[in-house]
Amino acid sequence: MSVEAMRGRGWGAWVRWAGWVLLAGFLGAFAVFESAKYGLTTTAAAVAFFLLPDLSGKVAGGRRWIVAVANSGWIPVVILVGYSLSPIAWPPLFTAGLGWATRLVVGRVVRRG
């Protein structure tokens, strides 16, 4: 985000933007950590779901609801919280949620600030 785009918005905009940047860095680092810890399957899941919001627009054709679902922030949160609280022990599901959440947060940082 350029200085000109942030000028006139006050300190609150800078603090929010810095918070989103920190969240993006944390989620990305956590996804890399989990991918390195559990191997190729988890890495593939994280990368595939990182690309999901971008690919959904190309695959969906004219169906806007598919793009809206892919860009919904609630779904990765439900995946991450549900995995953490449930007895499911399949790490690719968790890293898929991390990859998806990372992509949505990075998109927010880059687009809107």
C-alpha atoms as a PDB file:
ATOM      1  CA  MET A   1       0.000   0.000   0.000  1.00  0.00           C
ATOM      2  CA  SER A   2       1.413   3.334  -0.981  1.00  0.00           C
ATOM      3  CA  VAL A   3       1.843   6.273   1.341  1.00  0.00           C
ATOM      4  CA  GLU A   4      -0.484   8.346  -0.856  1.00  0.00           C
ATOM      5  CA  ALA A   5      -3.268   5.791  -0.449  1.00  0.00           C
ATOM      6  CA  MET A   6      -2.937   5.831   3.348  1.00  0.00           C
ATOM      7  CA  ARG A   7      -2.540   9.620   3.655  1.00  0.00           C
ATOM      8  CA  GLY A   8      -5.502  11.323   5.241  1.00  0.00           C
ATOM      9  CA  ARG A   9      -6.915   8.161   6.810  1.00  0.00           C
ATOM     10  CA  GLY A  10      -5.280   8.639  10.200  1.00  0.00           C
ATOM     11  CA  TRP A  11      -3.342   6.321  12.469  1.00  0.00           C
ATOM     12  CA  GLY A  12      -6.201   3.867  12.774  1.00  0.00           C
ATOM     13  CA  ALA A  13      -5.857   2.844   9.123  1.00  0.00           C
ATOM     14  CA  TRP A  14      -2.135   2.256   9.566  1.00  0.00           C
ATOM     15  CA  VAL A  15      -2.658   0.173  12.697  1.00  0.00           C
ATOM     16  CA  ARG A  16      -5.369  -1.948  11.013  1.00  0.00           C
ATOM     17  CA  TRP A  17      -3.194  -2.469   7.947  1.00  0.00           C
ATOM     18  CA  ALA A  18      -0.213  -3.463  10.120  1.00  0.00           C
ATOM     19  CA  GLY A  19      -2.439  -5.922  11.984  1.00  0.00           C
ATOM     20  CA  TRP A  20      -3.541  -7.545   8.717  1.00  0.00           C
ATOM     21  CA  VAL A  21       0.096  -7.748   7.582  1.00  0.00           C
ATOM     22  CA  LEU A  22       1.084  -9.439  10.843  1.00  0.00           C
ATOM     23  CA  LEU A  23      -1.832 -11.885  10.563  1.00  0.00           C
ATOM     24  CA  ALA A  24      -0.849 -12.735   6.976  1.00  0.00           C
ATOM     25  CA  GLY A  25       2.736 -13.360   8.059  1.00  0.00           C
ATOM     26  CA  PHE A  26       1.662 -15.522  10.987  1.00  0.00           C
ATOM     27  CA  LEU A  27      -0.748 -17.639   8.916  1.00  0.00           C
ATOM     28  CA  GLY A  28       1.803 -18.059   6.133  1.00  0.00           C
ATOM     29  CA  ALA A  29       4.565 -19.050   8.526  1.00  0.00           C
ATOM     30  CA  PHE A  30       2.247 -21.474  10.326  1.00  0.00           C
ATOM     31  CA  ALA A  31       1.246 -23.069   6.999  1.00  0.00           C
ATOM     32  CA  VAL A  32       4.906 -23.473   6.023  1.00  0.00           C
ATOM     33  CA  PHE A  33       5.715 -24.952   9.435  1.00  0.00           C
ATOM     34  CA  GLU A  34       2.882 -27.478   9.232  1.00  0.00           C
ATOM     35  CA  SER A  35       3.771 -28.343   5.636  1.00  0.00           C
ATOM     36  CA  ALA A  36       7.397 -28.987   6.540  1.00  0.00           C
ATOM     37  CA  LYS A  37       6.372 -31.011   9.568  1.00  0.00           C
ATOM     38  CA  TYR A  38       3.899 -33.340   7.831  1.00  0.00           C
ATOM     39  CA  GLY A  39       5.235 -33.634   4.299  1.00  0.00           C
ATOM     40  CA  LEU A  40       4.150 -33.446   0.701  1.00  0.00           C
ATOM     41  CA  THR A  41       0.422 -34.096   1.135  1.00  0.00           C
ATOM     42  CA  THR A  42       0.004 -31.192   3.517  1.00  0.00           C
ATOM     43  CA  THR A  43       2.096 -28.944   1.278  1.00  0.00           C
ATOM     44  CA  ALA A  44      -0.097 -29.803  -1.704  1.00  0.00           C
ATOM     45  CA  ALA A  45      -3.248 -29.083   0.324  1.00  0.00           C
ATOM     46  CA  ALA A  46      -1.928 -25.716   1.514  1.00  0.00           C
ATOM     47  CA  VAL A  47      -0.875 -24.645  -1.992  1.00  0.00           C
ATOM     48  CA  ALA A  48      -4.104 -25.865  -3.608  1.00  0.00           C
ATOM     49  CA  PHE A  49      -6.308 -24.031  -1.140  1.00  0.00           C
ATOM     50  CA  PHE A  50      -4.081 -20.940  -1.299  1.00  0.00           C
ATOM     51  CA  LEU A  51      -4.893 -20.819  -5.020  1.00  0.00           C
ATOM     52  CA  LEU A  52      -8.577 -21.725  -4.573  1.00  0.00           C
ATOM     53  CA  PRO A  53     -10.055 -18.184  -4.482  1.00  0.00           C
ATOM     54  CA  ASP A  54      -8.206 -17.230  -7.675  1.00  0.00           C
ATOM     55  CA  LEU A  55      -9.034 -20.418  -9.542  1.00  0.00           C
ATOM     56  CA  SER A  56     -12.698 -20.362  -8.554  1.00  0.00           C
ATOM     57  CA  GLY A  57     -13.317 -17.320 -10.748  1.00  0.00           C
ATOM     58  CA  LYS A  58     -11.884 -19.073 -13.775  1.00  0.00           C
ATOM     59  CA  VAL A  59     -13.603 -22.417 -13.172  1.00  0.00           C
ATOM     60  CA  ALA A  60     -16.990 -21.017 -12.113  1.00  0.00           C
ATOM     61  CA  GLY A  61     -17.832 -19.534 -15.483  1.00  0.00           C
ATOM     62  CA  GLY A  62     -20.611 -17.057 -14.717  1.00  0.00           C
ATOM     63  CA  ARG A  63     -21.617 -18.384 -11.313  1.00  0.00           C
ATOM     64  CA  ARG A  64     -20.892 -15.601  -8.859  1.00  0.00           C
ATOM     65  CA  TRP A  65     -22.002 -17.589  -5.830  1.00  0.00           C
ATOM     66  CA  ILE A  66     -19.049 -19.975  -6.277  1.00  0.00           C
ATOM     67  CA  VAL A  67     -16.625 -17.053  -6.247  1.00  0.00           C
ATOM     68  CA  ALA A  68     -18.429 -15.588  -3.215  1.00  0.00           C
ATOM     69  CA  VAL A  69     -18.128 -18.890  -1.341  1.00  0.00           C
ATOM     70  CA  ALA A  70     -14.434 -19.208  -2.227  1.00  0.00           C
ATOM     71  CA  ASN A  71     -13.780 -15.686  -0.944  1.00  0.00           C
ATOM     72  CA  SER A  72     -15.778 -16.154   2.253  1.00  0.00           C
ATOM     73  CA  GLY A  73     -13.628 -15.869   5.334  1.00  0.00           C
ATOM     74  CA  TRP A  74     -15.911 -17.985   7.484  1.00  0.00           C
ATOM     75  CA  ILE A  75     -15.184 -21.269   5.769  1.00  0.00           C
ATOM     76  CA  PRO A  76     -11.434 -21.416   6.553  1.00  0.00           C
ATOM     77  CA  VAL A  77     -12.162 -20.283  10.103  1.00  0.00           C
ATOM     78  CA  VAL A  78     -14.702 -23.096  10.528  1.00  0.00           C
ATOM     79  CA  ILE A  79     -12.178 -25.563   9.089  1.00  0.00           C
ATOM     80  CA  LEU A  80      -9.404 -24.416  11.445  1.00  0.00           C
ATOM     81  CA  VAL A  81     -11.551 -24.244  14.590  1.00  0.00           C
ATOM     82  CA  GLY A  82     -13.433 -27.433  13.770  1.00  0.00           C
ATOM     83  CA  TYR A  83     -10.203 -29.334  13.171  1.00  0.00           C
ATOM     84  CA  SER A  84      -8.679 -27.996  16.375  1.00  0.00           C
ATOM     85  CA  LEU A  85     -11.667 -28.984  18.507  1.00  0.00           C
ATOM     86  CA  SER A  86     -12.510 -32.314  16.879  1.00  0.00           C
ATOM     87  CA  PRO A  87     -10.816 -35.710  17.160  1.00  0.00           C
ATOM     88  CA  ILE A  88      -9.973 -35.642  13.419  1.00  0.00           C
ATOM     89  CA  ALA A  89      -6.281 -36.331  12.867  1.00  0.00           C
ATOM     90  CA  TRP A  90      -5.672 -35.515   9.205  1.00  0.00           C
ATOM     91  CA  PRO A  91      -3.115 -32.661   8.904  1.00  0.00           C
ATOM     92  CA  PRO A  92      -3.814 -31.845   5.203  1.00  0.00           C
ATOM     93  CA  LEU A  93      -7.249 -30.558   6.233  1.00  0.00           C
ATOM     94  CA  PHE A  94      -5.709 -28.139   8.718  1.00  0.00           C
ATOM     95  CA  THR A  95      -3.059 -26.884   6.294  1.00  0.00           C
ATOM     96  CA  ALA A  96      -5.744 -26.454   3.628  1.00  0.00           C
ATOM     97  CA  GLY A  97      -7.567 -24.137   6.021  1.00  0.00           C
ATOM     98  CA  LEU A  98      -4.329 -22.294   6.762  1.00  0.00           C
ATOM     99  CA  GLY A  99      -3.562 -21.862   3.070  1.00  0.00           C
ATOM    100  CA  TRP A 100      -7.070 -20.605   2.322  1.00  0.00           C
ATOM    101  CA  ALA A 101      -7.053 -18.160   5.248  1.00  0.00           C
ATOM    102  CA  THR A 102      -3.592 -16.915   4.276  1.00  0.00           C
ATOM    103  CA  ARG A 103      -4.746 -16.173   0.732  1.00  0.00           C
ATOM    104  CA  LEU A 104      -7.796 -14.244   1.913  1.00  0.00           C
ATOM    105  CA  VAL A 105      -5.765 -12.150   4.361  1.00  0.00           C
ATOM    106  CA  VAL A 106      -3.020 -11.468   1.791  1.00  0.00           C
ATOM    107  CA  GLY A 107      -5.706 -10.392  -0.674  1.00  0.00           C
ATOM    108  CA  ARG A 108      -7.120  -7.984   1.872  1.00  0.00           C
ATOM    109  CA  VAL A 109      -3.693  -6.498   2.585  1.00  0.00           C
ATOM    110  CA  VAL A 110      -2.838  -6.047  -1.084  1.00  0.00           C
ATOM    111  CA  ARG A 111      -6.236  -4.773  -2.291  1.00  0.00           C
ATOM    112  CA  ARG A 112      -7.693  -2.650   0.453  1.00  0.00           C
ATOM    113  CA  GLY A 113      -5.175  -2.068   3.151  1.00  0.00           C
END
